[in-house]
């Protein structure tokens, strides 16, 4: 019981240095179980997309949905930690636009921060129509997670990479079944800090490195990694530049966001 309580404390309030190694240094239990998509969940015929365009002249957002599958039944999963990297150019410091840590340009004030974690839902309606499972939400806009949040470190673990350690703890454990697509949460990326944080039009890639699932019944932690190619990739790119013909110099883009498979 003591081990479980200590783990839950880490998951509820993720310390970046500790959460970085949550699934590292041990074999992964399954590959190709993770996917990312914009607009909605990724499934055949959905409105989900791996591409979006944002200008740096207006306030816009990209809602990046996280979904996963499990390789075997999990009787009672009650907590999770995801490691997500924002990769630009290793060796060159991240511009202020990608500084989402509390003291950073894009994360210091809640009203203008550049990224927020949406755990409680509701998930996109298309997900409920398609019969998805939900880790924190039962599909009716209820939140079954007692705690959630993220830590972020810019230029960590190396210069040019920022790392999210996002986590959630449920009020009670829930079963997870293989074959079911589970909507985990969404990260909302905003361009509203584009005027105060330099680097709005610079390219970056978001990579979902791993997901660790914890149970409250004594079962071992389960660590997942890699893209589920049937649904979508585990990464998305943000590349700057003007689109659609000549535009004013100041109308640079925040991102052309598209999927990149491993």
C-alpha atoms as a PDB file:
ATOM      1  CA  UNK A   1       0.000   0.000   0.000  1.00  0.00           C
ATOM      2  CA  UNK A   2       2.829   2.404   0.751  1.00  0.00           C
ATOM      3  CA  UNK A   3       4.240   1.941  -2.770  1.00  0.00           C
ATOM      4  CA  UNK A   4       0.849   2.707  -4.304  1.00  0.00           C
ATOM      5  CA  UNK A   5       0.394   5.885  -2.260  1.00  0.00           C
ATOM      6  CA  UNK A   6       3.842   7.145  -3.180  1.00  0.00           C
ATOM      7  CA  UNK A   7       3.184   6.460  -6.860  1.00  0.00           C
ATOM      8  CA  UNK A   8      -0.150   8.250  -6.725  1.00  0.00           C
ATOM      9  CA  UNK A   9       1.491  11.302  -5.203  1.00  0.00           C
ATOM     10  CA  UNK A  10       3.907  11.382  -8.138  1.00  0.00           C
ATOM     11  CA  UNK A  11       1.127  10.954 -10.674  1.00  0.00           C
ATOM     12  CA  UNK A  12      -1.165  13.547  -9.131  1.00  0.00           C
ATOM     13  CA  UNK A  13       1.492  16.248  -8.939  1.00  0.00           C
ATOM     14  CA  UNK A  14       4.107  15.236 -11.496  1.00  0.00           C
ATOM     15  CA  UNK A  15       7.649  16.255 -10.705  1.00  0.00           C
ATOM     16  CA  UNK A  16       9.266  16.487 -14.116  1.00  0.00           C
ATOM     17  CA  UNK A  17      12.562  14.863 -13.209  1.00  0.00           C
ATOM     18  CA  UNK A  18      10.816  11.863 -11.645  1.00  0.00           C
ATOM     19  CA  UNK A  19       8.053  11.512 -14.235  1.00  0.00           C
ATOM     20  CA  UNK A  20      10.561  11.505 -17.083  1.00  0.00           C
ATOM     21  CA  UNK A  21      11.712   8.065 -15.976  1.00  0.00           C
ATOM     22  CA  UNK A  22       8.279   6.646 -15.141  1.00  0.00           C
ATOM     23  CA  UNK A  23       8.394   4.154 -18.027  1.00  0.00           C
ATOM     24  CA  UNK A  24      12.077   4.374 -18.843  1.00  0.00           C
ATOM     25  CA  UNK A  25      14.665   1.868 -17.749  1.00  0.00           C
ATOM     26  CA  UNK A  26      12.250  -1.082 -18.058  1.00  0.00           C
ATOM     27  CA  UNK A  27      10.774  -3.021 -20.971  1.00  0.00           C
ATOM     28  CA  UNK A  28       7.650  -1.581 -22.551  1.00  0.00           C
ATOM     29  CA  UNK A  29       4.659  -3.887 -22.268  1.00  0.00           C
ATOM     30  CA  UNK A  30       3.298  -3.015 -25.711  1.00  0.00           C
ATOM     31  CA  UNK A  31       4.111  -0.944 -28.764  1.00  0.00           C
ATOM     32  CA  UNK A  32       1.812   0.715 -31.311  1.00  0.00           C
ATOM     33  CA  UNK A  33      -0.962   1.533 -28.852  1.00  0.00           C
ATOM     34  CA  UNK A  34      -0.979   5.355 -28.948  1.00  0.00           C
ATOM     35  CA  UNK A  35      -2.334   7.971 -31.326  1.00  0.00           C
ATOM     36  CA  UNK A  36      -2.858  11.723 -31.679  1.00  0.00           C
ATOM     37  CA  UNK A  37      -5.395  13.585 -33.777  1.00  0.00           C
ATOM     38  CA  UNK A  38      -6.877  17.049 -34.131  1.00  0.00           C
ATOM     39  CA  UNK A  39     -10.582  17.986 -34.126  1.00  0.00           C
ATOM     40  CA  UNK A  40     -11.809  14.609 -32.846  1.00  0.00           C
ATOM     41  CA  UNK A  41     -10.883  11.008 -32.140  1.00  0.00           C
ATOM     42  CA  UNK A  42      -9.211   9.041 -34.899  1.00  0.00           C
ATOM     43  CA  UNK A  43     -11.340   6.276 -36.427  1.00  0.00           C
ATOM     44  CA  UNK A  44     -12.482   5.367 -39.969  1.00  0.00           C
ATOM     45  CA  UNK A  45     -14.834   8.024 -41.290  1.00  0.00           C
ATOM     46  CA  UNK A  46     -14.190  10.477 -38.457  1.00  0.00           C
ATOM     47  CA  UNK A  47     -13.586  14.195 -38.827  1.00  0.00           C
ATOM     48  CA  UNK A  48     -10.194  13.809 -37.181  1.00  0.00           C
ATOM     49  CA  UNK A  49      -7.306  15.337 -39.045  1.00  0.00           C
ATOM     50  CA  UNK A  50      -3.564  15.325 -38.777  1.00  0.00           C
ATOM     51  CA  UNK A  51      -3.223  18.739 -40.390  1.00  0.00           C
ATOM     52  CA  UNK A  52      -4.198  22.234 -39.288  1.00  0.00           C
ATOM     53  CA  UNK A  53      -3.023  25.746 -40.041  1.00  0.00           C
ATOM     54  CA  UNK A  54      -2.721  28.646 -37.610  1.00  0.00           C
ATOM     55  CA  UNK A  55      -1.688  32.206 -38.288  1.00  0.00           C
ATOM     56  CA  UNK A  56       0.237  34.372 -35.884  1.00  0.00           C
ATOM     57  CA  UNK A  57      -2.075  37.358 -36.361  1.00  0.00           C
ATOM     58  CA  UNK A  58      -5.205  36.045 -34.623  1.00  0.00           C
ATOM     59  CA  UNK A  59      -5.971  34.041 -31.504  1.00  0.00           C
ATOM     60  CA  UNK A  60      -6.456  30.413 -32.494  1.00  0.00           C
ATOM     61  CA  UNK A  61      -6.103  27.006 -30.910  1.00  0.00           C
ATOM     62  CA  UNK A  62      -5.333  23.428 -31.869  1.00  0.00           C
ATOM     63  CA  UNK A  63      -6.991  20.700 -29.814  1.00  0.00           C
ATOM     64  CA  UNK A  64      -4.774  17.630 -29.834  1.00  0.00           C
ATOM     65  CA  UNK A  65      -6.642  14.488 -28.734  1.00  0.00           C
ATOM     66  CA  UNK A  66      -4.877  11.581 -27.053  1.00  0.00           C
ATOM     67  CA  UNK A  67      -6.231   8.043 -27.350  1.00  0.00           C
ATOM     68  CA  UNK A  68      -4.813   4.614 -26.556  1.00  0.00           C
ATOM     69  CA  UNK A  69      -5.435   0.879 -26.513  1.00  0.00           C
ATOM     70  CA  UNK A  70      -4.206  -1.783 -24.090  1.00  0.00           C
ATOM     71  CA  UNK A  71      -2.672  -5.146 -25.103  1.00  0.00           C
ATOM     72  CA  UNK A  72      -4.376  -7.192 -22.381  1.00  0.00           C
ATOM     73  CA  UNK A  73      -7.187  -6.718 -19.847  1.00  0.00           C
ATOM     74  CA  UNK A  74      -6.453  -4.388 -16.929  1.00  0.00           C
ATOM     75  CA  UNK A  75      -8.792  -5.043 -14.023  1.00  0.00           C
ATOM     76  CA  UNK A  76      -8.667  -1.707 -12.228  1.00  0.00           C
ATOM     77  CA  UNK A  77      -6.561   1.151 -13.582  1.00  0.00           C
ATOM     78  CA  UNK A  78      -6.664   4.208 -11.357  1.00  0.00           C
ATOM     79  CA  UNK A  79      -3.857   6.500 -12.559  1.00  0.00           C
ATOM     80  CA  UNK A  80      -1.733   7.329 -15.583  1.00  0.00           C
ATOM     81  CA  UNK A  81       1.277   9.382 -16.623  1.00  0.00           C
ATOM     82  CA  UNK A  82       2.089  10.436 -20.193  1.00  0.00           C
ATOM     83  CA  UNK A  83       5.419  11.766 -21.417  1.00  0.00           C
ATOM     84  CA  UNK A  84       5.033  14.189 -24.333  1.00  0.00           C
ATOM     85  CA  UNK A  85       7.907  16.007 -26.029  1.00  0.00           C
ATOM     86  CA  UNK A  86       7.856  19.260 -27.974  1.00  0.00           C
ATOM     87  CA  UNK A  87      10.877  18.949 -30.247  1.00  0.00           C
ATOM     88  CA  UNK A  88      12.254  21.793 -32.279  1.00  0.00           C
ATOM     89  CA  UNK A  89      15.951  21.809 -33.072  1.00  0.00           C
ATOM     90  CA  UNK A  90      18.068  19.938 -30.521  1.00  0.00           C
ATOM     91  CA  UNK A  91      21.056  22.070 -29.635  1.00  0.00           C
ATOM     92  CA  UNK A  92      19.203  25.368 -30.147  1.00  0.00           C
ATOM     93  CA  UNK A  93      17.150  26.721 -27.220  1.00  0.00           C
ATOM     94  CA  UNK A  94      13.365  26.663 -27.584  1.00  0.00           C
ATOM     95  CA  UNK A  95      11.935  30.105 -28.395  1.00  0.00           C
ATOM     96  CA  UNK A  96       9.718  31.777 -25.808  1.00  0.00           C
ATOM     97  CA  UNK A  97       6.601  30.678 -27.712  1.00  0.00           C
ATOM     98  CA  UNK A  98       7.265  27.095 -26.537  1.00  0.00           C
ATOM     99  CA  UNK A  99       8.002  27.935 -22.899  1.00  0.00           C
ATOM    100  CA  UNK A 100       4.926  26.427 -21.208  1.00  0.00           C
ATOM    101  CA  UNK A 101       6.480  26.061 -17.757  1.00  0.00           C
ATOM    102  CA  UNK A 102       4.860  28.259 -15.038  1.00  0.00           C
ATOM    103  CA  UNK A 103       7.729  30.740 -15.135  1.00  0.00           C
ATOM    104  CA  UNK A 104       7.901  30.709 -18.941  1.00  0.00           C
ATOM    105  CA  UNK A 105       6.585  33.284 -21.377  1.00  0.00           C
ATOM    106  CA  UNK A 106       3.708  31.045 -22.545  1.00  0.00           C
ATOM    107  CA  UNK A 107       2.812  29.566 -19.188  1.00  0.00           C
ATOM    108  CA  UNK A 108       3.117  32.197 -16.489  1.00  0.00           C
ATOM    109  CA  UNK A 109      -0.488  33.510 -16.530  1.00  0.00           C
ATOM    110  CA  UNK A 110      -3.445  31.129 -16.770  1.00  0.00           C
ATOM    111  CA  UNK A 111      -5.470  33.477 -18.972  1.00  0.00           C
ATOM    112  CA  UNK A 112      -2.775  33.687 -21.628  1.00  0.00           C
ATOM    113  CA  UNK A 113      -0.857  30.437 -21.275  1.00  0.00           C
ATOM    114  CA  UNK A 114      -0.051  28.595 -24.465  1.00  0.00           C
ATOM    115  CA  UNK A 115      -1.155  25.092 -23.457  1.00  0.00           C
ATOM    116  CA  UNK A 116      -3.841  23.622 -21.197  1.00  0.00           C
ATOM    117  CA  UNK A 117      -4.684  20.036 -20.300  1.00  0.00           C
ATOM    118  CA  UNK A 118      -8.346  19.076 -20.795  1.00  0.00           C
ATOM    119  CA  UNK A 119      -8.898  15.924 -18.740  1.00  0.00           C
ATOM    120  CA  UNK A 120     -12.460  16.090 -17.469  1.00  0.00           C
ATOM    121  CA  UNK A 121     -14.013  16.370 -20.881  1.00  0.00           C
ATOM    122  CA  UNK A 122     -16.414  16.278 -22.369  1.00  0.00           C
ATOM    123  CA  UNK A 123     -14.682  14.430 -25.202  1.00  0.00           C
ATOM    124  CA  UNK A 124     -15.733  15.205 -28.771  1.00  0.00           C
ATOM    125  CA  UNK A 125     -19.257  14.044 -29.559  1.00  0.00           C
ATOM    126  CA  UNK A 126     -17.913  11.898 -32.387  1.00  0.00           C
ATOM    127  CA  UNK A 127     -16.022   9.839 -29.812  1.00  0.00           C
ATOM    128  CA  UNK A 128     -19.176   9.058 -27.878  1.00  0.00           C
ATOM    129  CA  UNK A 129     -21.019   8.239 -31.105  1.00  0.00           C
ATOM    130  CA  UNK A 130     -18.302   5.777 -32.080  1.00  0.00           C
ATOM    131  CA  UNK A 131     -18.439   3.974 -28.750  1.00  0.00           C
ATOM    132  CA  UNK A 132     -15.055   4.983 -27.390  1.00  0.00           C
ATOM    133  CA  UNK A 133     -14.100   4.248 -23.812  1.00  0.00           C
ATOM    134  CA  UNK A 134     -12.935   7.080 -21.559  1.00  0.00           C
ATOM    135  CA  UNK A 135     -10.312   7.081 -18.848  1.00  0.00           C
ATOM    136  CA  UNK A 136     -11.540  10.145 -16.937  1.00  0.00           C
ATOM    137  CA  UNK A 137     -14.939  10.730 -18.480  1.00  0.00           C
ATOM    138  CA  UNK A 138     -17.925   8.433 -18.858  1.00  0.00           C
ATOM    139  CA  UNK A 139     -18.968  10.179 -22.074  1.00  0.00           C
ATOM    140  CA  UNK A 140     -21.693  12.290 -20.482  1.00  0.00           C
ATOM    141  CA  UNK A 141     -19.478  15.216 -19.467  1.00  0.00           C
ATOM    142  CA  UNK A 142     -18.764  13.741 -16.041  1.00  0.00           C
ATOM    143  CA  UNK A 143     -15.249  13.765 -14.639  1.00  0.00           C
ATOM    144  CA  UNK A 144     -14.177  10.592 -12.853  1.00  0.00           C
ATOM    145  CA  UNK A 145     -10.651  11.822 -12.165  1.00  0.00           C
ATOM    146  CA  UNK A 146      -9.992  13.404  -8.794  1.00  0.00           C
ATOM    147  CA  UNK A 147      -6.658  14.963  -9.716  1.00  0.00           C
ATOM    148  CA  UNK A 148      -4.885  15.916 -12.916  1.00  0.00           C
ATOM    149  CA  UNK A 149      -2.203  18.240 -14.159  1.00  0.00           C
ATOM    150  CA  UNK A 150       1.132  18.533 -15.894  1.00  0.00           C
ATOM    151  CA  UNK A 151       4.691  19.631 -15.348  1.00  0.00           C
ATOM    152  CA  UNK A 152       6.699  21.065 -18.215  1.00  0.00           C
ATOM    153  CA  UNK A 153      10.355  21.765 -18.692  1.00  0.00           C
ATOM    154  CA  UNK A 154      11.675  23.805 -21.620  1.00  0.00           C
ATOM    155  CA  UNK A 155      15.049  22.680 -22.988  1.00  0.00           C
ATOM    156  CA  UNK A 156      14.683  19.534 -20.914  1.00  0.00           C
ATOM    157  CA  UNK A 157      15.854  16.786 -21.139  1.00  0.00           C
ATOM    158  CA  UNK A 158      18.115  18.488 -23.724  1.00  0.00           C
ATOM    159  CA  UNK A 159      18.311  21.931 -25.302  1.00  0.00           C
ATOM    160  CA  UNK A 160      15.736  22.202 -28.093  1.00  0.00           C
ATOM    161  CA  UNK A 161      13.188  19.860 -26.486  1.00  0.00           C
ATOM    162  CA  UNK A 162      10.428  20.659 -24.010  1.00  0.00           C
ATOM    163  CA  UNK A 163       8.855  17.814 -22.035  1.00  0.00           C
ATOM    164  CA  UNK A 164       5.346  17.489 -20.619  1.00  0.00           C
ATOM    165  CA  UNK A 165       4.722  15.000 -17.818  1.00  0.00           C
ATOM    166  CA  UNK A 166       0.918  14.892 -17.748  1.00  0.00           C
ATOM    167  CA  UNK A 167      -1.016  12.751 -15.294  1.00  0.00           C
ATOM    168  CA  UNK A 168      -4.439  11.962 -13.907  1.00  0.00           C
ATOM    169  CA  UNK A 169      -5.775   9.991 -10.930  1.00  0.00           C
ATOM    170  CA  UNK A 170      -9.275   8.527 -10.941  1.00  0.00           C
ATOM    171  CA  UNK A 171     -11.683   8.558  -7.991  1.00  0.00           C
ATOM    172  CA  UNK A 172     -11.857   4.758  -8.363  1.00  0.00           C
ATOM    173  CA  UNK A 173     -10.190   2.214 -10.616  1.00  0.00           C
ATOM    174  CA  UNK A 174     -11.761   1.263 -13.938  1.00  0.00           C
ATOM    175  CA  UNK A 175     -11.301  -1.817 -16.151  1.00  0.00           C
ATOM    176  CA  UNK A 176      -9.538  -1.385 -19.486  1.00  0.00           C
ATOM    177  CA  UNK A 177     -10.159  -3.922 -22.239  1.00  0.00           C
ATOM    178  CA  UNK A 178      -8.101  -4.736 -25.339  1.00  0.00           C
ATOM    179  CA  UNK A 179      -9.717  -3.715 -28.605  1.00  0.00           C
ATOM    180  CA  UNK A 180     -11.370  -0.616 -27.127  1.00  0.00           C
ATOM    181  CA  UNK A 181     -10.173   2.843 -28.113  1.00  0.00           C
ATOM    182  CA  UNK A 182      -9.847   5.000 -24.998  1.00  0.00           C
ATOM    183  CA  UNK A 183      -9.975   8.796 -25.115  1.00  0.00           C
ATOM    184  CA  UNK A 184      -7.504   9.970 -22.489  1.00  0.00           C
ATOM    185  CA  UNK A 185      -7.466  13.771 -22.660  1.00  0.00           C
ATOM    186  CA  UNK A 186      -6.708  16.714 -24.923  1.00  0.00           C
ATOM    187  CA  UNK A 187      -4.003  19.351 -24.869  1.00  0.00           C
ATOM    188  CA  UNK A 188      -5.138  22.723 -26.148  1.00  0.00           C
ATOM    189  CA  UNK A 189      -2.379  24.695 -27.855  1.00  0.00           C
ATOM    190  CA  UNK A 190      -3.041  28.422 -28.248  1.00  0.00           C
ATOM    191  CA  UNK A 191      -1.498  31.189 -30.342  1.00  0.00           C
ATOM    192  CA  UNK A 192      -2.791  33.920 -28.005  1.00  0.00           C
ATOM    193  CA  UNK A 193       0.735  34.488 -26.639  1.00  0.00           C
ATOM    194  CA  UNK A 194       2.039  35.131 -30.187  1.00  0.00           C
ATOM    195  CA  UNK A 195       2.603  38.889 -29.621  1.00  0.00           C
ATOM    196  CA  UNK A 196       4.437  38.635 -26.322  1.00  0.00           C
ATOM    197  CA  UNK A 197       6.385  35.392 -26.843  1.00  0.00           C
ATOM    198  CA  UNK A 198       8.819  35.302 -29.745  1.00  0.00           C
ATOM    199  CA  UNK A 199       8.962  32.323 -32.086  1.00  0.00           C
ATOM    200  CA  UNK A 200       5.312  31.904 -33.131  1.00  0.00           C
ATOM    201  CA  UNK A 201       6.162  30.846 -36.695  1.00  0.00           C
ATOM    202  CA  UNK A 202       9.003  28.476 -35.877  1.00  0.00           C
ATOM    203  CA  UNK A 203       8.580  24.724 -36.526  1.00  0.00           C
ATOM    204  CA  UNK A 204       8.262  22.060 -33.843  1.00  0.00           C
ATOM    205  CA  UNK A 205       7.086  18.469 -33.488  1.00  0.00           C
ATOM    206  CA  UNK A 206       4.885  17.067 -30.713  1.00  0.00           C
ATOM    207  CA  UNK A 207       5.736  13.450 -29.873  1.00  0.00           C
ATOM    208  CA  UNK A 208       3.814  11.224 -27.433  1.00  0.00           C
ATOM    209  CA  UNK A 209       6.691   9.206 -26.065  1.00  0.00           C
ATOM    210  CA  UNK A 210       4.941   6.899 -23.590  1.00  0.00           C
ATOM    211  CA  UNK A 211       1.931   6.209 -21.398  1.00  0.00           C
ATOM    212  CA  UNK A 212       2.186   4.525 -18.014  1.00  0.00           C
ATOM    213  CA  UNK A 213      -0.953   2.967 -16.509  1.00  0.00           C
ATOM    214  CA  UNK A 214      -1.162   2.144 -12.806  1.00  0.00           C
ATOM    215  CA  UNK A 215      -3.645  -0.149 -11.060  1.00  0.00           C
ATOM    216  CA  UNK A 216      -4.991  -0.084  -7.512  1.00  0.00           C
ATOM    217  CA  UNK A 217      -5.327  -3.866  -7.169  1.00  0.00           C
ATOM    218  CA  UNK A 218      -1.640  -4.713  -6.898  1.00  0.00           C
ATOM    219  CA  UNK A 219      -1.120  -5.423 -10.609  1.00  0.00           C
ATOM    220  CA  UNK A 220       2.126  -4.267 -12.194  1.00  0.00           C
ATOM    221  CA  UNK A 221       2.298  -0.956 -14.010  1.00  0.00           C
ATOM    222  CA  UNK A 222       1.769  -1.139 -17.784  1.00  0.00           C
ATOM    223  CA  UNK A 223       3.889   1.004 -20.111  1.00  0.00           C
ATOM    224  CA  UNK A 224       2.839   1.718 -23.701  1.00  0.00           C
ATOM    225  CA  UNK A 225       4.617   3.398 -26.591  1.00  0.00           C
ATOM    226  CA  UNK A 226       4.429   3.832 -30.360  1.00  0.00           C
ATOM    227  CA  UNK A 227       1.766   4.809 -32.925  1.00  0.00           C
ATOM    228  CA  UNK A 228      -1.351   2.777 -33.526  1.00  0.00           C
ATOM    229  CA  UNK A 229      -1.248   2.918 -37.307  1.00  0.00           C
ATOM    230  CA  UNK A 230      -4.873   1.837 -37.671  1.00  0.00           C
ATOM    231  CA  UNK A 231      -6.016   5.029 -35.940  1.00  0.00           C
ATOM    232  CA  UNK A 232      -3.228   7.523 -36.277  1.00  0.00           C
ATOM    233  CA  UNK A 233       0.289   8.548 -35.407  1.00  0.00           C
ATOM    234  CA  UNK A 234       1.926   9.322 -32.108  1.00  0.00           C
ATOM    235  CA  UNK A 235       3.343  12.620 -33.329  1.00  0.00           C
ATOM    236  CA  UNK A 236       2.289  15.826 -35.072  1.00  0.00           C
ATOM    237  CA  UNK A 237       4.368  18.541 -36.664  1.00  0.00           C
ATOM    238  CA  UNK A 238       4.075  22.311 -36.489  1.00  0.00           C
ATOM    239  CA  UNK A 239       5.913  23.994 -39.339  1.00  0.00           C
ATOM    240  CA  UNK A 240       6.000  27.729 -39.987  1.00  0.00           C
ATOM    241  CA  UNK A 241       5.806  29.618 -43.270  1.00  0.00           C
ATOM    242  CA  UNK A 242       3.246  31.427 -45.395  1.00  0.00           C
ATOM    243  CA  UNK A 243       0.480  29.437 -47.053  1.00  0.00           C
ATOM    244  CA  UNK A 244      -1.906  29.857 -49.955  1.00  0.00           C
ATOM    245  CA  UNK A 245       0.030  32.382 -52.015  1.00  0.00           C
ATOM    246  CA  UNK A 246       1.520  35.787 -51.195  1.00  0.00           C
ATOM    247  CA  UNK A 247       0.686  37.163 -47.765  1.00  0.00           C
ATOM    248  CA  UNK A 248       2.052  40.045 -45.692  1.00  0.00           C
ATOM    249  CA  UNK A 249       5.339  39.333 -43.945  1.00  0.00           C
ATOM    250  CA  UNK A 250       3.743  39.701 -40.511  1.00  0.00           C
ATOM    251  CA  UNK A 251       1.114  37.047 -41.363  1.00  0.00           C
ATOM    252  CA  UNK A 252       3.439  34.159 -40.574  1.00  0.00           C
ATOM    253  CA  UNK A 253       1.927  30.845 -39.569  1.00  0.00           C
ATOM    254  CA  UNK A 254       2.046  29.188 -36.199  1.00  0.00           C
ATOM    255  CA  UNK A 255       1.858  25.770 -37.773  1.00  0.00           C
ATOM    256  CA  UNK A 256       0.944  23.488 -40.610  1.00  0.00           C
ATOM    257  CA  UNK A 257       0.227  20.486 -38.452  1.00  0.00           C
ATOM    258  CA  UNK A 258       0.461  17.063 -40.027  1.00  0.00           C
ATOM    259  CA  UNK A 259       1.025  13.460 -38.977  1.00  0.00           C
ATOM    260  CA  UNK A 260       4.440  11.832 -39.092  1.00  0.00           C
ATOM    261  CA  UNK A 261       4.656   8.067 -38.710  1.00  0.00           C
ATOM    262  CA  UNK A 262       7.655   6.334 -37.281  1.00  0.00           C
END
